[in-house]
Amino acid sequence: MLAIRLPDELEKRLNALARRTGRTKSYYVREALFNQIDDLEDYYLGMETLERIRKGEEAVYSESEARRELGLED
């Protein structure tokens, strides 16, 4: 179970959408989360990696180094 507070305008839009389509507000909130969770996870993972790079805790490779390491050189 999850309870969230929405800004009034968003709540109004969600209510209108649910009324027009005959679906529940919960349905649309679940759909929105399903559609966005991958992007959010990728974003925060990327930000954590960037922070490690800035601190010198994460190795960084050029394209040519990565290609050579992966055996992709032509």
PDB file of N, CA and C in Angstrom:
ATOM      1  N   MET A   1       0.850  -1.182   0.000  1.00  0.00           N
ATOM      2  CA  MET A   1       0.000   0.000   0.000  1.00  0.00           C
ATOM      3  C   MET A   1       0.887   1.234   0.000  1.00  0.00           C
ATOM      4  N   LEU A   2       0.499   2.200  -0.763  1.00  0.00           N
ATOM      5  CA  LEU A   2       1.257   3.440  -0.878  1.00  0.00           C
ATOM      6  C   LEU A   2       0.281   4.604  -0.896  1.00  0.00           C
ATOM      7  N   ALA A   3       0.566   5.602  -0.099  1.00  0.00           N
ATOM      8  CA  ALA A   3      -0.250   6.815  -0.102  1.00  0.00           C
ATOM      9  C   ALA A   3       0.637   7.966  -0.547  1.00  0.00           C
ATOM     10  N   ILE A   4       0.149   8.767  -1.490  1.00  0.00           N
ATOM     11  CA  ILE A   4       0.929   9.909  -1.970  1.00  0.00           C
ATOM     12  C   ILE A   4       0.051  11.155  -1.991  1.00  0.00           C
ATOM     13  N   ARG A   5       0.707  12.279  -1.848  1.00  0.00           N
ATOM     14  CA  ARG A   5       0.011  13.566  -1.973  1.00  0.00           C
ATOM     15  C   ARG A   5       0.394  14.146  -3.330  1.00  0.00           C
ATOM     16  N   LEU A   6      -0.598  14.585  -4.059  1.00  0.00           N
ATOM     17  CA  LEU A   6      -0.375  15.170  -5.370  1.00  0.00           C
ATOM     18  C   LEU A   6      -0.739  16.645  -5.351  1.00  0.00           C
ATOM     19  N   PRO A   7      -0.058  17.438  -6.149  1.00  0.00           N
ATOM     20  CA  PRO A   7      -0.488  18.834  -6.303  1.00  0.00           C
ATOM     21  C   PRO A   7      -1.921  18.856  -6.836  1.00  0.00           C
ATOM     22  N   ASP A   8      -2.672  19.864  -6.448  1.00  0.00           N
ATOM     23  CA  ASP A   8      -4.091  19.947  -6.826  1.00  0.00           C
ATOM     24  C   ASP A   8      -4.320  19.789  -8.326  1.00  0.00           C
ATOM     25  N   GLU A   9      -3.525  20.475  -9.134  1.00  0.00           N
ATOM     26  CA  GLU A   9      -3.726  20.412 -10.585  1.00  0.00           C
ATOM     27  C   GLU A   9      -3.526  18.997 -11.127  1.00  0.00           C
ATOM     28  N   LEU A  10      -2.522  18.306 -10.621  1.00  0.00           N
ATOM     29  CA  LEU A  10      -2.282  16.928 -11.058  1.00  0.00           C
ATOM     30  C   LEU A  10      -3.402  16.012 -10.598  1.00  0.00           C
ATOM     31  N   GLU A  11      -3.865  16.211  -9.394  1.00  0.00           N
ATOM     32  CA  GLU A  11      -4.993  15.422  -8.877  1.00  0.00           C
ATOM     33  C   GLU A  11      -6.240  15.634  -9.739  1.00  0.00           C
ATOM     34  N   LYS A  12      -6.507  16.859 -10.130  1.00  0.00           N
ATOM     35  CA  LYS A  12      -7.656  17.151 -10.991  1.00  0.00           C
ATOM     36  C   LYS A  12      -7.519  16.446 -12.338  1.00  0.00           C
ATOM     37  N   ARG A  13      -6.333  16.514 -12.921  1.00  0.00           N
ATOM     38  CA  ARG A  13      -6.110  15.852 -14.214  1.00  0.00           C
ATOM     39  C   ARG A  13      -6.283  14.340 -14.100  1.00  0.00           C
ATOM     40  N   LEU A  14      -5.746  13.766 -13.024  1.00  0.00           N
ATOM     41  CA  LEU A  14      -5.873  12.329 -12.810  1.00  0.00           C
ATOM     42  C   LEU A  14      -7.328  11.931 -12.601  1.00  0.00           C
ATOM     43  N   ASN A  15      -8.056  12.704 -11.828  1.00  0.00           N
ATOM     44  CA  ASN A  15      -9.490  12.434 -11.636  1.00  0.00           C
ATOM     45  C   ASN A  15     -10.245  12.496 -12.954  1.00  0.00           C
ATOM     46  N   ALA A  16      -9.970  13.505 -13.756  1.00  0.00           N
ATOM     47  CA  ALA A  16     -10.662  13.661 -15.040  1.00  0.00           C
ATOM     48  C   ALA A  16     -10.355  12.486 -15.968  1.00  0.00           C
ATOM     49  N   LEU A  17      -9.093  12.095 -16.020  1.00  0.00           N
ATOM     50  CA  LEU A  17      -8.706  10.968 -16.865  1.00  0.00           C
ATOM     51  C   LEU A  17      -9.407   9.696 -16.420  1.00  0.00           C
ATOM     52  N   ALA A  18      -9.433   9.454 -15.132  1.00  0.00           N
ATOM     53  CA  ALA A  18     -10.087   8.254 -14.604  1.00  0.00           C
ATOM     54  C   ALA A  18     -11.583   8.264 -14.931  1.00  0.00           C
ATOM     55  N   ARG A  19     -12.243   9.407 -14.767  1.00  0.00           N
ATOM     56  CA  ARG A  19     -13.676   9.503 -15.081  1.00  0.00           C
ATOM     57  C   ARG A  19     -13.927   9.247 -16.571  1.00  0.00           C
ATOM     58  N   ARG A  20     -13.131   9.882 -17.431  1.00  0.00           N
ATOM     59  CA  ARG A  20     -13.336   9.751 -18.876  1.00  0.00           C
ATOM     60  C   ARG A  20     -13.128   8.328 -19.375  1.00  0.00           C
ATOM     61  N   THR A  21     -12.202   7.619 -18.759  1.00  0.00           N
ATOM     62  CA  THR A  21     -11.838   6.302 -19.266  1.00  0.00           C
ATOM     63  C   THR A  21     -12.455   5.142 -18.505  1.00  0.00           C
ATOM     64  N   GLY A  22     -13.027   5.431 -17.333  1.00  0.00           N
ATOM     65  CA  GLY A  22     -13.609   4.355 -16.528  1.00  0.00           C
ATOM     66  C   GLY A  22     -12.564   3.517 -15.795  1.00  0.00           C
ATOM     67  N   ARG A  23     -11.335   3.973 -15.771  1.00  0.00           N
ATOM     68  CA  ARG A  23     -10.281   3.271 -15.038  1.00  0.00           C
ATOM     69  C   ARG A  23     -10.063   3.988 -13.709  1.00  0.00           C
ATOM     70  N   THR A  24      -9.342   3.314 -12.813  1.00  0.00           N
ATOM     71  CA  THR A  24      -9.090   3.926 -11.503  1.00  0.00           C
ATOM     72  C   THR A  24      -7.863   4.826 -11.557  1.00  0.00           C
ATOM     73  N   LYS A  25      -7.801   5.719 -10.591  1.00  0.00           N
ATOM     74  CA  LYS A  25      -6.601   6.557 -10.461  1.00  0.00           C
ATOM     75  C   LYS A  25      -5.384   5.671 -10.183  1.00  0.00           C
ATOM     76  N   SER A  26      -5.583   4.644  -9.382  1.00  0.00           N
ATOM     77  CA  SER A  26      -4.479   3.728  -9.066  1.00  0.00           C
ATOM     78  C   SER A  26      -3.919   3.078 -10.324  1.00  0.00           C
ATOM     79  N   TYR A  27      -4.793   2.737 -11.254  1.00  0.00           N
ATOM     80  CA  TYR A  27      -4.343   2.145 -12.510  1.00  0.00           C
ATOM     81  C   TYR A  27      -3.357   3.077 -13.205  1.00  0.00           C
ATOM     82  N   TYR A  28      -3.701   4.355 -13.307  1.00  0.00           N
ATOM     83  CA  TYR A  28      -2.840   5.301 -14.020  1.00  0.00           C
ATOM     84  C   TYR A  28      -1.552   5.604 -13.264  1.00  0.00           C
ATOM     85  N   VAL A  29      -1.616   5.617 -11.953  1.00  0.00           N
ATOM     86  CA  VAL A  29      -0.390   5.822 -11.173  1.00  0.00           C
ATOM     87  C   VAL A  29       0.536   4.622 -11.364  1.00  0.00           C
ATOM     88  N   ARG A  30      -0.008   3.411 -11.334  1.00  0.00           N
ATOM     89  CA  ARG A  30       0.811   2.217 -11.585  1.00  0.00           C
ATOM     90  C   ARG A  30       1.421   2.259 -12.970  1.00  0.00           C
ATOM     91  N   GLU A  31       0.625   2.615 -13.981  1.00  0.00           N
ATOM     92  CA  GLU A  31       1.133   2.702 -15.352  1.00  0.00           C
ATOM     93  C   GLU A  31       2.276   3.717 -15.449  1.00  0.00           C
ATOM     94  N   ALA A  32       2.104   4.863 -14.824  1.00  0.00           N
ATOM     95  CA  ALA A  32       3.143   5.892 -14.861  1.00  0.00           C
ATOM     96  C   ALA A  32       4.423   5.376 -14.213  1.00  0.00           C
ATOM     97  N   LEU A  33       4.299   4.690 -13.087  1.00  0.00           N
ATOM     98  CA  LEU A  33       5.484   4.148 -12.423  1.00  0.00           C
ATOM     99  C   LEU A  33       6.152   3.074 -13.270  1.00  0.00           C
ATOM    100  N   PHE A  34       5.371   2.173 -13.837  1.00  0.00           N
ATOM    101  CA  PHE A  34       5.943   1.140 -14.702  1.00  0.00           C
ATOM    102  C   PHE A  34       6.712   1.761 -15.867  1.00  0.00           C
ATOM    103  N   ASN A  35       6.187   2.842 -16.407  1.00  0.00           N
ATOM    104  CA  ASN A  35       6.812   3.479 -17.563  1.00  0.00           C
ATOM    105  C   ASN A  35       8.040   4.318 -17.209  1.00  0.00           C
ATOM    106  N   GLN A  36       8.175   4.711 -15.952  1.00  0.00           N
ATOM    107  CA  GLN A  36       9.269   5.604 -15.559  1.00  0.00           C
ATOM    108  C   GLN A  36      10.336   4.975 -14.678  1.00  0.00           C
ATOM    109  N   ILE A  37      10.051   3.861 -14.027  1.00  0.00           N
ATOM    110  CA  ILE A  37      10.973   3.324 -13.036  1.00  0.00           C
ATOM    111  C   ILE A  37      12.334   2.972 -13.638  1.00  0.00           C
ATOM    112  N   ASP A  38      12.372   2.408 -14.843  1.00  0.00           N
ATOM    113  CA  ASP A  38      13.655   2.081 -15.475  1.00  0.00           C
ATOM    114  C   ASP A  38      14.500   3.333 -15.678  1.00  0.00           C
ATOM    115  N   ASP A  39      13.883   4.385 -16.172  1.00  0.00           N
ATOM    116  CA  ASP A  39      14.611   5.638 -16.398  1.00  0.00           C
ATOM    117  C   ASP A  39      15.132   6.219 -15.091  1.00  0.00           C
ATOM    118  N   LEU A  40      14.326   6.178 -14.043  1.00  0.00           N
ATOM    119  CA  LEU A  40      14.753   6.703 -12.746  1.00  0.00           C
ATOM    120  C   LEU A  40      15.920   5.894 -12.178  1.00  0.00           C
ATOM    121  N   GLU A  41      15.819   4.569 -12.277  1.00  0.00           N
ATOM    122  CA  GLU A  41      16.915   3.730 -11.801  1.00  0.00           C
ATOM    123  C   GLU A  41      18.191   4.016 -12.582  1.00  0.00           C
ATOM    124  N   ASP A  42      18.086   4.104 -13.903  1.00  0.00           N
ATOM    125  CA  ASP A  42      19.254   4.404 -14.736  1.00  0.00           C
ATOM    126  C   ASP A  42      19.858   5.752 -14.381  1.00  0.00           C
ATOM    127  N   TYR A  43      19.022   6.742 -14.163  1.00  0.00           N
ATOM    128  CA  TYR A  43      19.496   8.082 -13.833  1.00  0.00           C
ATOM    129  C   TYR A  43      20.299   8.062 -12.534  1.00  0.00           C
ATOM    130  N   TYR A  44      19.730   7.474 -11.490  1.00  0.00           N
ATOM    131  CA  TYR A  44      20.405   7.488 -10.201  1.00  0.00           C
ATOM    132  C   TYR A  44      21.653   6.608 -10.194  1.00  0.00           C
ATOM    133  N   LEU A  45      21.647   5.495 -10.919  1.00  0.00           N
ATOM    134  CA  LEU A  45      22.842   4.681 -11.059  1.00  0.00           C
ATOM    135  C   LEU A  45      23.934   5.479 -11.776  1.00  0.00           C
ATOM    136  N   GLY A  46      23.539   6.187 -12.825  1.00  0.00           N
ATOM    137  CA  GLY A  46      24.486   7.028 -13.553  1.00  0.00           C
ATOM    138  C   GLY A  46      25.069   8.131 -12.689  1.00  0.00           C
ATOM    139  N   MET A  47      24.232   8.750 -11.863  1.00  0.00           N
ATOM    140  CA  MET A  47      24.711   9.809 -10.975  1.00  0.00           C
ATOM    141  C   MET A  47      25.680   9.260  -9.925  1.00  0.00           C
ATOM    142  N   GLU A  48      25.407   8.077  -9.413  1.00  0.00           N
ATOM    143  CA  GLU A  48      26.323   7.450  -8.452  1.00  0.00           C
ATOM    144  C   GLU A  48      27.661   7.138  -9.120  1.00  0.00           C
ATOM    145  N   THR A  49      27.610   6.631 -10.344  1.00  0.00           N
ATOM    146  CA  THR A  49      28.837   6.322 -11.079  1.00  0.00           C
ATOM    147  C   THR A  49      29.621   7.593 -11.364  1.00  0.00           C
ATOM    148  N   LEU A  50      28.943   8.639 -11.775  1.00  0.00           N
ATOM    149  CA  LEU A  50      29.602   9.915 -12.040  1.00  0.00           C
ATOM    150  C   LEU A  50      30.302  10.439 -10.793  1.00  0.00           C
ATOM    151  N   GLU A  51      29.666  10.305  -9.652  1.00  0.00           N
ATOM    152  CA  GLU A  51      30.284  10.749  -8.395  1.00  0.00           C
ATOM    153  C   GLU A  51      31.545   9.949  -8.100  1.00  0.00           C
ATOM    154  N   ARG A  52      31.502   8.627  -8.335  1.00  0.00           N
ATOM    155  CA  ARG A  52      32.700   7.804  -8.124  1.00  0.00           C
ATOM    156  C   ARG A  52      33.805   8.197  -9.093  1.00  0.00           C
ATOM    157  N   ILE A  53      33.460   8.526 -10.328  1.00  0.00           N
ATOM    158  CA  ILE A  53      34.444   8.979 -11.309  1.00  0.00           C
ATOM    159  C   ILE A  53      35.092  10.267 -10.828  1.00  0.00           C
ATOM    160  N   ARG A  54      34.287  11.205 -10.381  1.00  0.00           N
ATOM    161  CA  ARG A  54      34.812  12.493  -9.901  1.00  0.00           C
ATOM    162  C   ARG A  54      35.735  12.322  -8.705  1.00  0.00           C
ATOM    163  N   LYS A  55      35.462  11.316  -7.876  1.00  0.00           N
ATOM    164  CA  LYS A  55      36.297  11.054  -6.704  1.00  0.00           C
ATOM    165  C   LYS A  55      37.518  10.203  -7.045  1.00  0.00           C
ATOM    166  N   GLY A  56      37.614   9.769  -8.307  1.00  0.00           N
ATOM    167  CA  GLY A  56      38.726   8.920  -8.715  1.00  0.00           C
ATOM    168  C   GLY A  56      38.576   7.477  -8.271  1.00  0.00           C
ATOM    169  N   GLU A  57      37.371   7.081  -7.940  1.00  0.00           N
ATOM    170  CA  GLU A  57      37.099   5.727  -7.452  1.00  0.00           C
ATOM    171  C   GLU A  57      36.628   4.791  -8.564  1.00  0.00           C
ATOM    172  N   GLU A  58      36.452   5.313  -9.753  1.00  0.00           N
ATOM    173  CA  GLU A  58      35.916   4.533 -10.879  1.00  0.00           C
ATOM    174  C   GLU A  58      36.830   4.747 -12.073  1.00  0.00           C
ATOM    175  N   ALA A  59      37.221   3.660 -12.722  1.00  0.00           N
ATOM    176  CA  ALA A  59      38.082   3.759 -13.899  1.00  0.00           C
ATOM    177  C   ALA A  59      37.301   4.309 -15.088  1.00  0.00           C
ATOM    178  N   VAL A  60      38.001   5.078 -15.915  1.00  0.00           N
ATOM    179  CA  VAL A  60      37.414   5.646 -17.120  1.00  0.00           C
ATOM    180  C   VAL A  60      38.296   5.232 -18.295  1.00  0.00           C
ATOM    181  N   TYR A  61      37.668   4.797 -19.384  1.00  0.00           N
ATOM    182  CA  TYR A  61      38.395   4.330 -20.557  1.00  0.00           C
ATOM    183  C   TYR A  61      37.986   5.119 -21.786  1.00  0.00           C
ATOM    184  N   SER A  62      38.943   5.349 -22.656  1.00  0.00           N
ATOM    185  CA  SER A  62      38.630   5.955 -23.945  1.00  0.00           C
ATOM    186  C   SER A  62      37.956   4.894 -24.813  1.00  0.00           C
ATOM    187  N   GLU A  63      37.384   5.328 -25.924  1.00  0.00           N
ATOM    188  CA  GLU A  63      36.744   4.369 -26.822  1.00  0.00           C
ATOM    189  C   GLU A  63      37.754   3.353 -27.323  1.00  0.00           C
ATOM    190  N   SER A  64      38.916   3.807 -27.719  1.00  0.00           N
ATOM    191  CA  SER A  64      39.919   2.876 -28.252  1.00  0.00           C
ATOM    192  C   SER A  64      40.379   1.884 -27.181  1.00  0.00           C
ATOM    193  N   GLU A  65      40.535   2.340 -25.942  1.00  0.00           N
ATOM    194  CA  GLU A  65      40.908   1.429 -24.856  1.00  0.00           C
ATOM    195  C   GLU A  65      39.813   0.391 -24.616  1.00  0.00           C
ATOM    196  N   ALA A  66      38.573   0.832 -24.621  1.00  0.00           N
ATOM    197  CA  ALA A  66      37.458  -0.088 -24.398  1.00  0.00           C
ATOM    198  C   ALA A  66      37.360  -1.107 -25.532  1.00  0.00           C
ATOM    199  N   ARG A  67      37.507  -0.649 -26.766  1.00  0.00           N
ATOM    200  CA  ARG A  67      37.446  -1.556 -27.918  1.00  0.00           C
ATOM    201  C   ARG A  67      38.569  -2.592 -27.834  1.00  0.00           C
ATOM    202  N   ARG A  68      39.780  -2.141 -27.484  1.00  0.00           N
ATOM    203  CA  ARG A  68      40.912  -3.052 -27.363  1.00  0.00           C
ATOM    204  C   ARG A  68      40.668  -4.059 -26.241  1.00  0.00           C
ATOM    205  N   GLU A  69      40.207  -3.587 -25.089  1.00  0.00           N
ATOM    206  CA  GLU A  69      39.937  -4.453 -23.944  1.00  0.00           C
ATOM    207  C   GLU A  69      38.867  -5.506 -24.262  1.00  0.00           C
ATOM    208  N   LEU A  70      37.895  -5.122 -25.063  1.00  0.00           N
ATOM    209  CA  LEU A  70      36.795  -6.029 -25.426  1.00  0.00           C
ATOM    210  C   LEU A  70      37.092  -6.866 -26.668  1.00  0.00           C
ATOM    211  N   GLY A  71      38.268  -6.662 -27.246  1.00  0.00           N
ATOM    212  CA  GLY A  71      38.632  -7.426 -28.445  1.00  0.00           C
ATOM    213  C   GLY A  71      37.867  -7.018 -29.675  1.00  0.00           C
ATOM    214  N   LEU A  72      37.491  -5.732 -29.756  1.00  0.00           N
ATOM    215  CA  LEU A  72      36.681  -5.254 -30.877  1.00  0.00           C
ATOM    216  C   LEU A  72      37.497  -4.453 -31.897  1.00  0.00           C
ATOM    217  N   GLU A  73      38.785  -4.493 -31.778  1.00  0.00           N
ATOM    218  CA  GLU A  73      39.605  -3.723 -32.735  1.00  0.00           C
ATOM    219  C   GLU A  73      39.497  -4.338 -34.121  1.00  0.00           C
ATOM    220  N   ASP A  74      39.522  -3.446 -35.103  1.00  0.00           N
ATOM    221  CA  ASP A  74      39.443  -3.905 -36.498  1.00  0.00           C
ATOM    222  C   ASP A  74      40.794  -4.334 -36.994  1.00  0.00           C
TER     223      ASP A  74
END
